[in-house]
């Protein structure tokens, strides 16, 4: 089940393995998900367009901190 964190009116959605971004996020949200390479931050744009940083973070806490920092400035 996806966990939702609100930060500066931005919804940060932490997805569990196998959960789809489109099923839990909409435009303006930030998704955090993990794979074998690390923790990814995905920014959800208009029409479901996804953008992300080029490299994953090594830990959940670093990904969450970065997502909160992005929320400070707007996505």
Protein backbone atom coordinates (compact mmCIF):
# COMPACT_ATOMS: atom_id res chain seq x y z
CA UNK A 1 0.00 0.00 0.00
CA UNK A 2 1.34 3.41 -0.96
CA UNK A 3 2.17 5.85 1.84
CA UNK A 4 1.38 9.53 1.35
CA UNK A 5 3.37 12.35 2.90
CA UNK A 6 2.24 15.96 2.45
CA UNK A 7 5.00 18.56 2.36
CA UNK A 8 4.35 22.19 1.44
CA UNK A 9 1.04 21.16 -0.17
CA UNK A 10 2.85 18.66 -2.40
CA UNK A 11 1.87 15.01 -2.18
CA UNK A 12 4.90 12.71 -1.91
CA UNK A 13 3.82 9.12 -2.57
CA UNK A 14 6.05 6.27 -1.43
CA UNK A 15 5.20 3.24 -3.56
CA UNK A 16 5.60 -0.38 -2.52
CA UNK A 17 7.10 -2.93 -4.89
CA UNK A 18 4.85 -3.53 -7.88
CA UNK A 19 2.69 -0.44 -7.40
CA UNK A 20 2.21 1.74 -10.47
CA UNK A 21 2.79 5.49 -10.34
CA UNK A 22 -0.32 6.21 -12.44
CA UNK A 23 -2.56 4.35 -10.00
CA UNK A 24 -1.54 6.51 -7.03
CA UNK A 25 -0.21 9.83 -8.36
CA UNK A 26 -1.47 12.75 -10.39
CA UNK A 27 0.04 15.91 -11.85
CA UNK A 28 2.20 17.77 -9.33
CA UNK A 29 2.88 14.73 -7.13
CA UNK A 30 6.29 13.26 -6.40
CA UNK A 31 6.66 9.48 -6.35
CA UNK A 32 9.39 7.61 -4.50
CA UNK A 33 10.06 4.01 -5.47
CA UNK A 34 12.84 1.49 -5.08
CA UNK A 35 14.39 -1.00 -7.44
CA UNK A 36 17.58 -3.03 -7.43
CA UNK A 37 19.69 0.08 -8.09
CA UNK A 38 18.29 2.27 -5.29
CA UNK A 39 15.53 4.78 -4.48
CA UNK A 40 14.13 6.86 -7.34
CA UNK A 41 12.25 10.15 -7.24
CA UNK A 42 9.77 10.65 -10.08
CA UNK A 43 8.00 13.94 -10.76
CA UNK A 44 4.52 13.56 -12.25
CA UNK A 45 3.62 16.14 -14.87
CA UNK A 46 0.73 16.87 -17.19
CA UNK A 47 -0.78 13.85 -18.88
CA UNK A 48 1.17 11.50 -16.61
CA UNK A 49 4.53 12.58 -18.02
CA UNK A 50 7.34 11.46 -15.69
CA UNK A 51 10.64 13.17 -15.07
CA UNK A 52 13.35 12.14 -12.64
CA UNK A 53 16.87 12.79 -11.51
CA UNK A 54 19.49 10.80 -13.41
CA UNK A 55 20.66 8.61 -10.55
CA UNK A 56 18.88 6.79 -7.73
CA UNK A 57 19.58 7.53 -4.08
CA UNK A 58 21.25 4.85 -1.97
CA UNK A 59 18.70 5.13 0.86
CA UNK A 60 15.05 5.89 1.46
CA UNK A 61 15.94 8.76 3.80
CA UNK A 62 18.08 10.49 1.16
CA UNK A 63 15.32 10.12 -1.44
CA UNK A 64 12.72 11.48 0.98
CA UNK A 65 14.94 14.44 1.91
CA UNK A 66 15.44 15.24 -1.77
CA UNK A 67 11.70 14.97 -2.50
CA UNK A 68 10.94 17.34 0.38
CA UNK A 69 13.57 19.77 -0.89
CA UNK A 70 11.98 19.67 -4.35
CA UNK A 71 8.57 20.31 -2.78
CA UNK A 72 10.01 23.43 -1.12
CA UNK A 73 10.62 24.94 -4.56
CA UNK A 74 7.62 23.42 -6.33
CA UNK A 75 7.81 20.58 -8.78
